[in-house]
Amino acid sequence: MQKSGWKPKMNEVRLKEEWEQVAGKTIAKYTRNFYLNGTVLTIYTDVAALKQELLLGREQLAANINEYFGEKVVTEVIVK
């Protein structure tokens, strides 16, 4: 998977399927969409309070995702 370049896409698919378990119910409910481009996670939300919370806790969210996957999947989180 690593050599073929499919690993990041497989991580994105798995993250989308398990987003509620990884991020929590509240974040999952109010995120519009998200994309994993390499190791950069871009999250879209229309809720200003959630956007602010995600901006303040993006390092923790990346750490939680990496811990959940058991490897370094996300190095940066961008919130839009």
C-alpha atoms as a PDB file:
ATOM      1  CA  MET A   1       0.000   0.000   0.000  1.00  0.00           C
ATOM      2  CA  GLN A   2       2.764   2.416   0.905  1.00  0.00           C
ATOM      3  CA  LYS A   3       4.695   1.898  -2.342  1.00  0.00           C
ATOM      4  CA  SER A   4       1.612   2.132  -4.542  1.00  0.00           C
ATOM      5  CA  GLY A   5       0.594   5.490  -3.012  1.00  0.00           C
ATOM      6  CA  TRP A   6      -2.837   4.246  -1.904  1.00  0.00           C
ATOM      7  CA  LYS A   7      -2.111   4.455   1.836  1.00  0.00           C
ATOM      8  CA  PRO A   8      -3.205   8.121   2.266  1.00  0.00           C
ATOM      9  CA  LYS A   9      -6.442   7.506   0.341  1.00  0.00           C
ATOM     10  CA  MET A  10      -7.186   4.383   2.386  1.00  0.00           C
ATOM     11  CA  ASN A  11      -6.569   6.396   5.572  1.00  0.00           C
ATOM     12  CA  GLU A  12      -9.047   9.046   4.353  1.00  0.00           C
ATOM     13  CA  VAL A  13     -11.709   6.428   3.596  1.00  0.00           C
ATOM     14  CA  ARG A  14     -11.209   4.783   6.989  1.00  0.00           C
ATOM     15  CA  LEU A  15     -11.288   8.169   8.738  1.00  0.00           C
ATOM     16  CA  LYS A  16     -14.571   9.073   7.007  1.00  0.00           C
ATOM     17  CA  GLU A  17     -16.113   5.755   8.037  1.00  0.00           C
ATOM     18  CA  GLU A  18     -14.963   6.069  11.657  1.00  0.00           C
ATOM     19  CA  TRP A  19     -15.130   9.864  12.060  1.00  0.00           C
ATOM     20  CA  GLU A  20     -17.660   9.779  14.908  1.00  0.00           C
ATOM     21  CA  GLN A  21     -15.531   7.383  16.964  1.00  0.00           C
ATOM     22  CA  VAL A  22     -12.372   9.407  16.298  1.00  0.00           C
ATOM     23  CA  ALA A  23     -13.673  12.977  16.693  1.00  0.00           C
ATOM     24  CA  GLY A  24     -16.699  12.480  18.921  1.00  0.00           C
ATOM     25  CA  LYS A  25     -20.438  12.847  18.301  1.00  0.00           C
ATOM     26  CA  THR A  26     -20.623  16.636  18.547  1.00  0.00           C
ATOM     27  CA  ILE A  27     -17.779  17.329  16.143  1.00  0.00           C
ATOM     28  CA  ALA A  28     -19.001  14.643  13.738  1.00  0.00           C
ATOM     29  CA  LYS A  29     -22.528  16.063  13.768  1.00  0.00           C
ATOM     30  CA  TYR A  30     -21.481  19.606  12.877  1.00  0.00           C
ATOM     31  CA  THR A  31     -18.630  19.031  10.438  1.00  0.00           C
ATOM     32  CA  ARG A  32     -19.836  19.468   6.889  1.00  0.00           C
ATOM     33  CA  ASN A  33     -17.006  17.565   5.232  1.00  0.00           C
ATOM     34  CA  PHE A  34     -13.300  16.875   5.526  1.00  0.00           C
ATOM     35  CA  TYR A  35     -10.449  15.758   3.313  1.00  0.00           C
ATOM     36  CA  LEU A  36      -7.125  14.122   4.071  1.00  0.00           C
ATOM     37  CA  ASN A  37      -4.553  15.304   1.539  1.00  0.00           C
ATOM     38  CA  GLY A  38      -1.404  13.392   2.337  1.00  0.00           C
ATOM     39  CA  THR A  39      -1.054  14.132   6.039  1.00  0.00           C
ATOM     40  CA  VAL A  40      -2.990  17.433   6.031  1.00  0.00           C
ATOM     41  CA  LEU A  41      -6.570  17.170   7.311  1.00  0.00           C
ATOM     42  CA  THR A  42      -8.912  19.940   6.147  1.00  0.00           C
ATOM     43  CA  ILE A  43     -12.200  20.151   8.063  1.00  0.00           C
ATOM     44  CA  TYR A  44     -15.217  22.198   6.910  1.00  0.00           C
ATOM     45  CA  THR A  45     -17.863  23.444   9.336  1.00  0.00           C
ATOM     46  CA  ASP A  46     -20.505  26.194   9.309  1.00  0.00           C
ATOM     47  CA  VAL A  47     -20.702  26.450  13.112  1.00  0.00           C
ATOM     48  CA  ALA A  48     -18.526  29.315  14.349  1.00  0.00           C
ATOM     49  CA  ALA A  49     -18.175  27.957  17.888  1.00  0.00           C
ATOM     50  CA  LEU A  50     -17.050  24.556  16.623  1.00  0.00           C
ATOM     51  CA  LYS A  51     -14.624  26.206  14.222  1.00  0.00           C
ATOM     52  CA  GLN A  52     -13.053  28.103  17.108  1.00  0.00           C
ATOM     53  CA  GLU A  53     -12.894  24.965  19.259  1.00  0.00           C
ATOM     54  CA  LEU A  54     -11.265  22.992  16.436  1.00  0.00           C
ATOM     55  CA  LEU A  55      -8.741  25.768  15.810  1.00  0.00           C
ATOM     56  CA  LEU A  56      -7.729  25.762  19.473  1.00  0.00           C
ATOM     57  CA  GLY A  57      -7.633  21.966  19.733  1.00  0.00           C
ATOM     58  CA  ARG A  58      -6.222  20.984  16.347  1.00  0.00           C
ATOM     59  CA  GLU A  59      -2.981  19.561  17.790  1.00  0.00           C
ATOM     60  CA  GLN A  60      -4.994  17.398  20.185  1.00  0.00           C
ATOM     61  CA  LEU A  61      -7.301  16.258  17.377  1.00  0.00           C
ATOM     62  CA  ALA A  62      -4.296  15.265  15.242  1.00  0.00           C
ATOM     63  CA  ALA A  63      -2.837  13.390  18.215  1.00  0.00           C
ATOM     64  CA  ASN A  64      -6.150  11.586  18.803  1.00  0.00           C
ATOM     65  CA  ILE A  65      -6.379  10.550  15.147  1.00  0.00           C
ATOM     66  CA  ASN A  66      -2.786   9.334  15.111  1.00  0.00           C
ATOM     67  CA  GLU A  67      -3.346   7.378  18.323  1.00  0.00           C
ATOM     68  CA  TYR A  68      -6.555   5.851  16.929  1.00  0.00           C
ATOM     69  CA  PHE A  69      -4.768   4.712  13.756  1.00  0.00           C
ATOM     70  CA  GLY A  70      -1.617   3.662  15.592  1.00  0.00           C
ATOM     71  CA  GLU A  71       0.577   5.594  13.160  1.00  0.00           C
ATOM     72  CA  LYS A  72       1.278   9.168  12.041  1.00  0.00           C
ATOM     73  CA  VAL A  73      -1.665   9.850   9.713  1.00  0.00           C
ATOM     74  CA  VAL A  74      -2.212  13.585  10.357  1.00  0.00           C
ATOM     75  CA  THR A  75       0.516  16.183  10.844  1.00  0.00           C
ATOM     76  CA  GLU A  76      -1.570  19.324  10.327  1.00  0.00           C
ATOM     77  CA  VAL A  77      -5.256  20.250  10.755  1.00  0.00           C
ATOM     78  CA  ILE A  78      -6.812  23.101   8.783  1.00  0.00           C
ATOM     79  CA  VAL A  79     -10.305  24.342   9.686  1.00  0.00           C
ATOM     80  CA  LYS A  80     -12.454  26.216   7.183  1.00  0.00           C
END
